[in-house]
């Protein structure tokens, strides 16, 4: 599934893990 983060479509949690350092996953986690 593609997730739009900061206007960028990214697919795969591999990139999401890198963005997690920047707090990108902060709003995705419950």
PDB file of N, CA and C in Angstrom:
ATOM      1  N   UNK A   1       0.841  -1.215   0.000  1.00  0.00           N
ATOM      2  CA  UNK A   1       0.000   0.000   0.000  1.00  0.00           C
ATOM      3  C   UNK A   1       0.864   1.249   0.000  1.00  0.00           C
ATOM      4  N   UNK A   2       0.435   2.237  -0.757  1.00  0.00           N
ATOM      5  CA  UNK A   2       1.195   3.488  -0.806  1.00  0.00           C
ATOM      6  C   UNK A   2       0.664   4.473   0.223  1.00  0.00           C
ATOM      7  N   UNK A   3       1.578   5.095   0.915  1.00  0.00           N
ATOM      8  CA  UNK A   3       1.180   6.071   1.929  1.00  0.00           C
ATOM      9  C   UNK A   3       1.778   7.431   1.582  1.00  0.00           C
ATOM     10  N   UNK A   4       0.940   8.451   1.575  1.00  0.00           N
ATOM     11  CA  UNK A   4       1.422   9.787   1.226  1.00  0.00           C
ATOM     12  C   UNK A   4       1.954  10.496   2.461  1.00  0.00           C
ATOM     13  N   UNK A   5       3.251  10.755   2.458  1.00  0.00           N
ATOM     14  CA  UNK A   5       3.866  11.457   3.579  1.00  0.00           C
ATOM     15  C   UNK A   5       4.562  12.712   3.074  1.00  0.00           C
ATOM     16  N   UNK A   6       4.071  13.864   3.522  1.00  0.00           N
ATOM     17  CA  UNK A   6       4.667  15.128   3.106  1.00  0.00           C
ATOM     18  C   UNK A   6       4.561  15.311   1.596  1.00  0.00           C
ATOM     19  N   UNK A   7       3.499  14.760   1.010  1.00  0.00           N
ATOM     20  CA  UNK A   7       3.274  14.922  -0.416  1.00  0.00           C
ATOM     21  C   UNK A   7       4.061  13.931  -1.256  1.00  0.00           C
ATOM     22  N   UNK A   8       4.698  12.966  -0.607  1.00  0.00           N
ATOM     23  CA  UNK A   8       5.483  11.980  -1.345  1.00  0.00           C
ATOM     24  C   UNK A   8       4.882  10.594  -1.168  1.00  0.00           C
ATOM     25  N   UNK A   9       4.578   9.931  -2.275  1.00  0.00           N
ATOM     26  CA  UNK A   9       4.013   8.584  -2.211  1.00  0.00           C
ATOM     27  C   UNK A   9       5.119   7.571  -1.979  1.00  0.00           C
ATOM     28  N   UNK A  10       5.021   6.848  -0.898  1.00  0.00           N
ATOM     29  CA  UNK A  10       6.035   5.838  -0.613  1.00  0.00           C
ATOM     30  C   UNK A  10       5.370   4.497  -0.381  1.00  0.00           C
ATOM     31  N   UNK A  11       5.970   3.448  -0.898  1.00  0.00           N
ATOM     32  CA  UNK A  11       5.408   2.111  -0.721  1.00  0.00           C
ATOM     33  C   UNK A  11       6.388   1.221   0.003  1.00  0.00           C
ATOM     34  N   UNK A  12       5.908   0.543   1.034  1.00  0.00           N
ATOM     35  CA  UNK A  12       6.803  -0.339   1.782  1.00  0.00           C
ATOM     36  C   UNK A  12       7.203   0.293   3.097  1.00  0.00           C
ATOM     37  N   UNK A  13       7.206  -0.515   4.139  1.00  0.00           N
ATOM     38  CA  UNK A  13       7.510   0.016   5.464  1.00  0.00           C
ATOM     39  C   UNK A  13       9.015   0.220   5.662  1.00  0.00           C
ATOM     40  N   UNK A  14       9.791  -0.165   4.651  1.00  0.00           N
ATOM     41  CA  UNK A  14      11.241   0.037   4.749  1.00  0.00           C
ATOM     42  C   UNK A  14      11.546   1.525   4.778  1.00  0.00           C
ATOM     43  N   UNK A  15      10.871   2.274   3.891  1.00  0.00           N
ATOM     44  CA  UNK A  15      11.084   3.714   3.861  1.00  0.00           C
ATOM     45  C   UNK A  15      10.392   4.370   5.048  1.00  0.00           C
ATOM     46  N   UNK A  16       9.287   3.761   5.474  1.00  0.00           N
ATOM     47  CA  UNK A  16       8.571   4.313   6.615  1.00  0.00           C
ATOM     48  C   UNK A  16       9.408   4.224   7.876  1.00  0.00           C
ATOM     49  N   UNK A  17      10.226   3.190   7.947  1.00  0.00           N
ATOM     50  CA  UNK A  17      11.091   3.027   9.115  1.00  0.00           C
ATOM     51  C   UNK A  17      12.117   4.147   9.168  1.00  0.00           C
ATOM     52  N   UNK A  18      12.598   4.549   7.986  1.00  0.00           N
ATOM     53  CA  UNK A  18      13.569   5.636   7.939  1.00  0.00           C
ATOM     54  C   UNK A  18      12.896   6.953   8.296  1.00  0.00           C
ATOM     55  N   UNK A  19      11.650   7.101   7.869  1.00  0.00           N
ATOM     56  CA  UNK A  19      10.928   8.334   8.152  1.00  0.00           C
ATOM     57  C   UNK A  19      10.501   8.401   9.606  1.00  0.00           C
ATOM     58  N   UNK A  20      10.455   7.237  10.248  1.00  0.00           N
ATOM     59  CA  UNK A  20      10.040   7.188  11.642  1.00  0.00           C
ATOM     60  C   UNK A  20      11.009   7.985  12.509  1.00  0.00           C
ATOM     61  N   UNK A  21      12.263   8.043  12.077  1.00  0.00           N
ATOM     62  CA  UNK A  21      13.249   8.821  12.821  1.00  0.00           C
ATOM     63  C   UNK A  21      12.899  10.303  12.776  1.00  0.00           C
ATOM     64  N   UNK A  22      12.227  10.693  11.698  1.00  0.00           N
ATOM     65  CA  UNK A  22      11.867  12.096  11.530  1.00  0.00           C
ATOM     66  C   UNK A  22      10.496  12.377  12.134  1.00  0.00           C
ATOM     67  N   UNK A  23       9.892  11.340  12.717  1.00  0.00           N
ATOM     68  CA  UNK A  23       8.596  11.509  13.359  1.00  0.00           C
ATOM     69  C   UNK A  23       7.448  11.400  12.383  1.00  0.00           C
ATOM     70  N   UNK A  24       7.698  10.790  11.232  1.00  0.00           N
ATOM     71  CA  UNK A  24       6.654  10.669  10.220  1.00  0.00           C
ATOM     72  C   UNK A  24       5.601   9.654  10.650  1.00  0.00           C
ATOM     73  N   UNK A  25       6.028   8.659  11.431  1.00  0.00           N
ATOM     74  CA  UNK A  25       5.088   7.626  11.867  1.00  0.00           C
ATOM     75  C   UNK A  25       4.400   8.004  13.169  1.00  0.00           C
ATOM     76  N   UNK A  26       4.724   9.177  13.661  1.00  0.00           N
ATOM     77  CA  UNK A  26       4.181   9.586  14.953  1.00  0.00           C
ATOM     78  C   UNK A  26       2.658   9.685  14.902  1.00  0.00           C
ATOM     79  N   UNK A  27       2.118  10.066  13.731  1.00  0.00           N
ATOM     80  CA  UNK A  27       0.672  10.218  13.611  1.00  0.00           C
ATOM     81  C   UNK A  27       0.023   8.946  13.082  1.00  0.00           C
ATOM     82  N   UNK A  28       0.846   7.969  12.708  1.00  0.00           N
ATOM     83  CA  UNK A  28       0.301   6.714  12.188  1.00  0.00           C
ATOM     84  C   UNK A  28       0.140   5.675  13.283  1.00  0.00           C
ATOM     85  N   UNK A  29       0.883   5.836  14.356  1.00  0.00           N
ATOM     86  CA  UNK A  29       0.808   4.868  15.441  1.00  0.00           C
ATOM     87  C   UNK A  29      -0.354   5.199  16.375  1.00  0.00           C
ATOM     88  N   UNK A  30      -1.032   4.176  16.892  1.00  0.00           N
ATOM     89  CA  UNK A  30      -2.181   4.353  17.784  1.00  0.00           C
ATOM     90  C   UNK A  30      -1.781   4.958  19.120  1.00  0.00           C
TER      91      UNK A  30
END
